[in-house]
N, C-alpha and C. Protein backbone atom coordinates (compact mmCIF):
# COMPACT_ATOMS: atom_id res chain seq x y z
N GLU A 1 9.36 17.75 -0.63
CA GLU A 1 8.82 16.71 -0.97
C GLU A 1 7.03 17.50 -1.58
N THR A 2 6.94 16.50 -2.46
CA THR A 2 6.32 16.54 -3.38
C THR A 2 4.41 17.02 -2.40
N ARG A 3 3.48 18.02 -3.58
CA ARG A 3 2.85 18.01 -2.94
C ARG A 3 1.69 17.08 -2.89
N GLY A 4 1.86 15.97 -3.76
CA GLY A 4 1.19 14.24 -3.94
C GLY A 4 1.47 13.63 -2.84
N SER A 5 2.92 13.76 -2.04
CA SER A 5 3.33 12.80 -0.63
C SER A 5 2.63 13.47 0.40
N LEU A 6 2.44 14.82 1.06
CA LEU A 6 1.82 15.40 1.58
C LEU A 6 0.56 15.41 2.26
N ILE A 7 0.10 15.42 0.58
CA ILE A 7 -1.66 14.56 0.69
C ILE A 7 -1.88 13.45 1.44
N ILE A 8 -1.24 12.79 1.11
CA ILE A 8 -1.27 11.12 1.03
C ILE A 8 -0.95 11.11 3.10
N ARG A 9 0.12 11.67 3.07
CA ARG A 9 0.36 11.51 4.39
C ARG A 9 -0.96 13.04 5.69
N LYS A 10 -0.71 13.69 5.24
CA LYS A 10 -1.68 13.95 6.14
C LYS A 10 -3.31 13.47 6.12
N LEU A 11 -3.88 12.90 5.09
CA LEU A 11 -4.77 11.68 5.22
C LEU A 11 -4.73 10.93 5.71
N CYS A 12 -3.50 9.85 5.66
CA CYS A 12 -3.34 8.98 6.78
C CYS A 12 -3.68 9.81 8.50
N VAL A 13 -2.82 10.99 8.73
CA VAL A 13 -3.24 11.40 9.68
C VAL A 13 -4.40 11.41 10.22
N LEU A 14 -4.84 12.54 9.99
CA LEU A 14 -6.45 12.85 9.69
C LEU A 14 -7.23 11.11 9.89
N LEU A 15 -7.20 10.71 9.18
CA LEU A 15 -7.93 9.48 8.99
C LEU A 15 -7.35 7.64 8.75
N ASN A 16 -7.69 7.13 9.07
CA ASN A 16 -6.55 5.87 9.42
C ASN A 16 -6.19 5.57 8.44
N ALA A 17 -4.73 5.31 8.60
CA ALA A 17 -3.75 5.24 7.48
C ALA A 17 -4.29 3.79 7.34
N LYS A 18 -4.33 2.59 7.63
CA LYS A 18 -4.54 1.56 6.98
C LYS A 18 -5.80 1.49 6.00
N SER A 19 -6.81 2.13 6.13
CA SER A 19 -7.97 2.63 5.58
C SER A 19 -7.95 2.80 4.48
N VAL A 20 -6.45 4.34 4.12
CA VAL A 20 -6.86 5.28 3.36
C VAL A 20 -5.84 3.87 2.46
N TYR A 21 -4.79 3.98 2.66
CA TYR A 21 -3.59 2.73 2.20
C TYR A 21 -3.87 1.46 1.59
N ILE A 22 -5.35 1.17 2.38
CA ILE A 22 -6.64 -0.25 1.22
C ILE A 22 -6.95 0.82 0.63
N LYS A 23 -7.69 1.58 1.05
CA LYS A 23 -8.57 2.47 -0.53
C LYS A 23 -7.39 2.61 -1.56
N MET A 24 -6.41 2.90 -1.31
CA MET A 24 -5.02 3.47 -2.08
C MET A 24 -5.39 2.19 -3.32
N ALA A 25 -5.07 1.01 -2.53
CA ALA A 25 -4.18 0.09 -3.05
C ALA A 25 -5.68 -0.36 -4.35
N GLU A 26 -7.27 -0.26 -3.59
CA GLU A 26 -8.29 -0.80 -4.33
C GLU A 26 -8.50 -0.03 -5.35
N ALA A 27 -8.13 1.03 -4.74
CA ALA A 27 -8.46 2.38 -6.47
C ALA A 27 -7.91 2.52 -7.73
N LEU A 28 -6.24 1.61 -7.10
CA LEU A 28 -4.73 1.83 -8.27
C LEU A 28 -5.43 0.38 -9.33
N SER A 29 -6.06 -0.55 -8.40
CA SER A 29 -6.46 -2.03 -8.93
C SER A 29 -7.47 -1.86 -9.73
N ASP A 30 -8.50 -0.76 -9.94
CA ASP A 30 -9.43 -0.67 -10.13
C ASP A 30 -8.76 0.13 -11.89
N TYR A 31 -8.39 0.86 -11.55
CA TYR A 31 -7.63 2.72 -12.26
C TYR A 31 -6.69 0.67 -13.61
N GLY A 32 -5.97 0.44 -13.15
CA GLY A 32 -5.63 -0.30 -13.97
C GLY A 32 -6.54 -1.33 -15.16
N ALA A 33 -8.04 -1.18 -14.08
CA ALA A 33 -8.94 -2.26 -14.44
C ALA A 33 -9.78 -1.75 -15.59
N MET A 34 -9.60 -0.17 -15.85
CA MET A 34 -10.88 0.44 -16.49
C MET A 34 -10.26 0.08 -18.08
N ASP A 35 -11.77 0.24 -18.99
CA ASP A 35 -11.23 1.57 -19.71
C ASP A 35 -11.30 2.24 -20.19
N THR A 36 -9.43 2.64 -20.57
CA THR A 36 -9.40 4.33 -21.18
C THR A 36 -8.91 4.63 -22.39
N LYS A 37 -9.80 5.20 -22.96
CA LYS A 37 -9.38 4.98 -24.52
C LYS A 37 -8.49 5.90 -24.94
N ASN A 38 -8.40 7.66 -24.10
CA ASN A 38 -6.82 8.82 -24.86
C ASN A 38 -5.68 7.29 -23.59
N THR A 39 -6.57 6.40 -23.37
CA THR A 39 -4.98 6.57 -22.24
C THR A 39 -3.98 4.77 -22.55
N THR A 40 -2.70 4.53 -23.04
CA THR A 40 -2.29 3.35 -23.67
C THR A 40 -2.09 2.45 -22.38
N ALA A 41 -2.33 0.99 -22.00
CA ALA A 41 -1.51 0.24 -21.54
C ALA A 41 -0.67 0.89 -20.56
N GLU A 42 0.23 1.03 -21.76
CA GLU A 42 1.90 1.51 -20.96
C GLU A 42 2.06 2.62 -20.03
N ALA A 43 0.76 3.55 -20.80
CA ALA A 43 0.51 4.86 -19.68
C ALA A 43 0.24 4.12 -18.44
N THR A 44 -0.78 3.71 -18.63
CA THR A 44 -1.32 3.27 -17.55
C THR A 44 -0.66 2.15 -15.94
N LEU A 45 0.25 1.48 -16.84
CA LEU A 45 0.84 0.89 -15.83
C LEU A 45 1.97 1.67 -15.48
N GLU A 46 2.70 2.37 -15.72
CA GLU A 46 3.46 3.47 -15.71
C GLU A 46 2.83 4.40 -14.39
N PHE A 47 1.44 4.68 -14.66
CA PHE A 47 1.91 5.54 -13.47
C PHE A 47 1.33 4.90 -12.63
N VAL A 48 0.72 3.95 -12.15
CA VAL A 48 0.88 2.61 -11.24
C VAL A 48 1.48 2.22 -10.62
N SER A 49 2.79 1.99 -11.57
CA SER A 49 3.78 1.79 -11.23
C SER A 49 4.30 3.08 -9.96
N THR A 50 4.28 4.37 -10.48
CA THR A 50 4.98 4.97 -10.05
C THR A 50 4.06 5.12 -9.18
N MET A 51 2.88 5.70 -8.65
CA MET A 51 1.87 5.52 -7.62
C MET A 51 2.14 4.64 -6.37
N VAL A 52 2.41 3.80 -6.56
CA VAL A 52 3.02 2.03 -5.85
C VAL A 52 3.70 2.59 -5.43
N GLN A 53 5.59 2.91 -6.10
CA GLN A 53 6.27 3.35 -4.95
C GLN A 53 6.43 4.47 -4.69
N THR A 54 5.09 5.78 -4.93
CA THR A 54 5.16 6.47 -4.46
C THR A 54 4.41 6.10 -2.66
N LEU A 55 3.86 5.20 -2.70
CA LEU A 55 3.01 5.00 -1.56
C LEU A 55 4.27 4.51 -0.84
N ASN A 56 5.27 2.91 -0.81
CA ASN A 56 5.60 2.58 -0.65
C ASN A 56 6.85 3.65 0.20
N LEU A 57 7.04 4.49 -0.54
CA LEU A 57 8.26 5.10 -0.04
C LEU A 57 7.99 6.13 0.79
N ILE A 58 6.58 6.54 0.37
CA ILE A 58 6.11 7.40 2.38
C ILE A 58 5.55 6.16 3.57
N LEU A 59 5.43 4.65 2.76
CA LEU A 59 5.06 4.17 3.98
C LEU A 59 6.11 3.71 5.09
N LEU A 60 7.50 3.69 4.09
CA LEU A 60 8.74 3.49 4.43
C LEU A 60 9.62 4.95 5.39
N THR A 61 8.83 5.96 4.91
CA THR A 61 9.51 7.13 5.28
C THR A 61 9.10 7.41 5.85
N ALA A 62 7.60 8.21 6.75
CA ALA A 62 6.71 8.97 7.25
C ALA A 62 6.57 8.38 8.87
N SER A 63 7.19 9.46 9.51
CA SER A 63 6.81 9.03 10.82
C SER A 63 5.40 9.43 11.15
N GLU A 64 4.35 9.96 10.37
CA GLU A 64 3.16 8.77 11.13
C GLU A 64 2.35 7.79 10.66
N LEU A 65 3.30 7.05 9.70
CA LEU A 65 3.01 5.39 9.36
C LEU A 65 3.78 4.75 10.51
N SER A 66 4.35 5.22 11.19
CA SER A 66 4.69 3.89 11.96
C SER A 66 4.32 2.67 12.49
N ASP A 67 2.98 3.41 12.91
CA ASP A 67 1.99 2.25 13.76
C ASP A 67 1.22 1.84 11.98
N LEU A 68 1.43 1.76 11.24
CA LEU A 68 0.88 1.37 9.98
C LEU A 68 1.95 0.51 9.96
N ARG A 69 3.40 0.51 9.85
CA ARG A 69 5.17 -0.15 10.04
C ARG A 69 4.35 -0.93 11.04
N SER A 70 4.46 -0.95 11.75
CA SER A 70 4.53 -1.80 13.50
C SER A 70 3.32 -2.76 12.61
N ILE A 71 1.72 -2.75 12.45
CA ILE A 71 1.09 -3.73 11.87
C ILE A 71 1.81 -4.30 10.93
N LEU A 72 1.63 -4.13 9.76
CA LEU A 72 2.96 -4.86 8.64
C LEU A 72 3.56 -5.83 9.50
N SER A 73 4.62 -4.83 10.05
CA SER A 73 5.24 -6.05 10.34
C SER A 73 5.16 -7.16 11.50
N LYS A 74 3.93 -6.97 11.99
CA LYS A 74 3.76 -7.87 12.81
C LYS A 74 2.99 -8.96 12.12
N SER A 75 2.38 -8.35 10.86
CA SER A 75 1.56 -9.55 10.27
C SER A 75 2.06 -10.75 9.67
N PHE A 76 3.91 -10.44 9.36
CA PHE A 76 4.31 -10.77 8.36
C PHE A 76 4.99 -12.34 9.36
N VAL A 77 5.01 -11.46 10.44
CA VAL A 77 5.83 -12.81 12.18
C VAL A 77 4.79 -13.94 12.21
N ASP A 78 3.34 -13.09 12.38
CA ASP A 78 2.29 -13.78 12.68
C ASP A 78 2.01 -15.10 11.45
N ILE A 79 2.70 -14.45 10.01
CA ILE A 79 2.06 -16.62 9.05
C ILE A 79 2.79 -17.44 9.19
N PRO A 80 4.50 -17.30 9.37
CA PRO A 80 4.63 -18.83 10.88
C PRO A 80 4.78 -19.14 11.98
N LYS A 81 3.38 -18.13 13.26
CA LYS A 81 3.61 -19.00 13.50
C LYS A 81 1.88 -19.90 12.97
N ARG A 82 1.08 -19.45 12.49
CA ARG A 82 -0.54 -19.54 11.92
C ARG A 82 -0.08 -21.12 11.57
N ARG A 83 1.15 -20.87 10.57
CA ARG A 83 1.76 -22.17 9.86
C ARG A 83 1.50 -23.28 10.48
N SER A 84 2.91 -23.07 12.10
CA SER A 84 3.41 -24.15 12.49
C SER A 84 2.09 -24.23 13.40
N VAL A 85 1.07 -23.82 13.82
CA VAL A 85 -0.12 -24.39 14.62
C VAL A 85 -1.03 -25.03 13.91
N LYS A 86 -1.61 -24.40 12.39
CA LYS A 86 -2.04 -25.48 11.88
C LYS A 86 -1.41 -26.91 10.93
N GLY A 87 0.23 -26.81 11.51
CA GLY A 87 0.96 -27.81 11.31
C GLY A 87 1.83 -27.97 9.25
N GLU A 88 1.31 -26.99 9.08
CA GLU A 88 1.66 -26.41 7.59
C GLU A 88 3.65 -26.31 8.19
N GLY A 89 3.85 -26.01 9.12
CA GLY A 89 5.35 -25.23 9.36
C GLY A 89 5.93 -26.44 9.44
N ALA A 90 5.65 -27.88 9.40
CA ALA A 90 6.47 -28.80 10.15
C ALA A 90 6.54 -29.39 8.57
N HIS A 91 8.28 -29.87 8.63
CA HIS A 91 8.64 -30.51 7.34
C HIS A 91 9.90 -31.46 6.97
């Protein structure tokens, strides 16, 4: 396990995992929009892409994040329910 992955996992244990992932997503989004004079757009994209892949792998495999996986899976199940309540699901 890499040091970065371990740090993310420990942050998720010590803090709220959902909040950690939201803040990381915001930081990565802002990182892509930053004016970086010493970094090419390709290098920025590669870094952000690697970070997203790493966060996804941690989310999918870390036992500490089972609650967050549950929250995410329920949110996708609830989308069709909300649509059918609004009348959007029937065609």
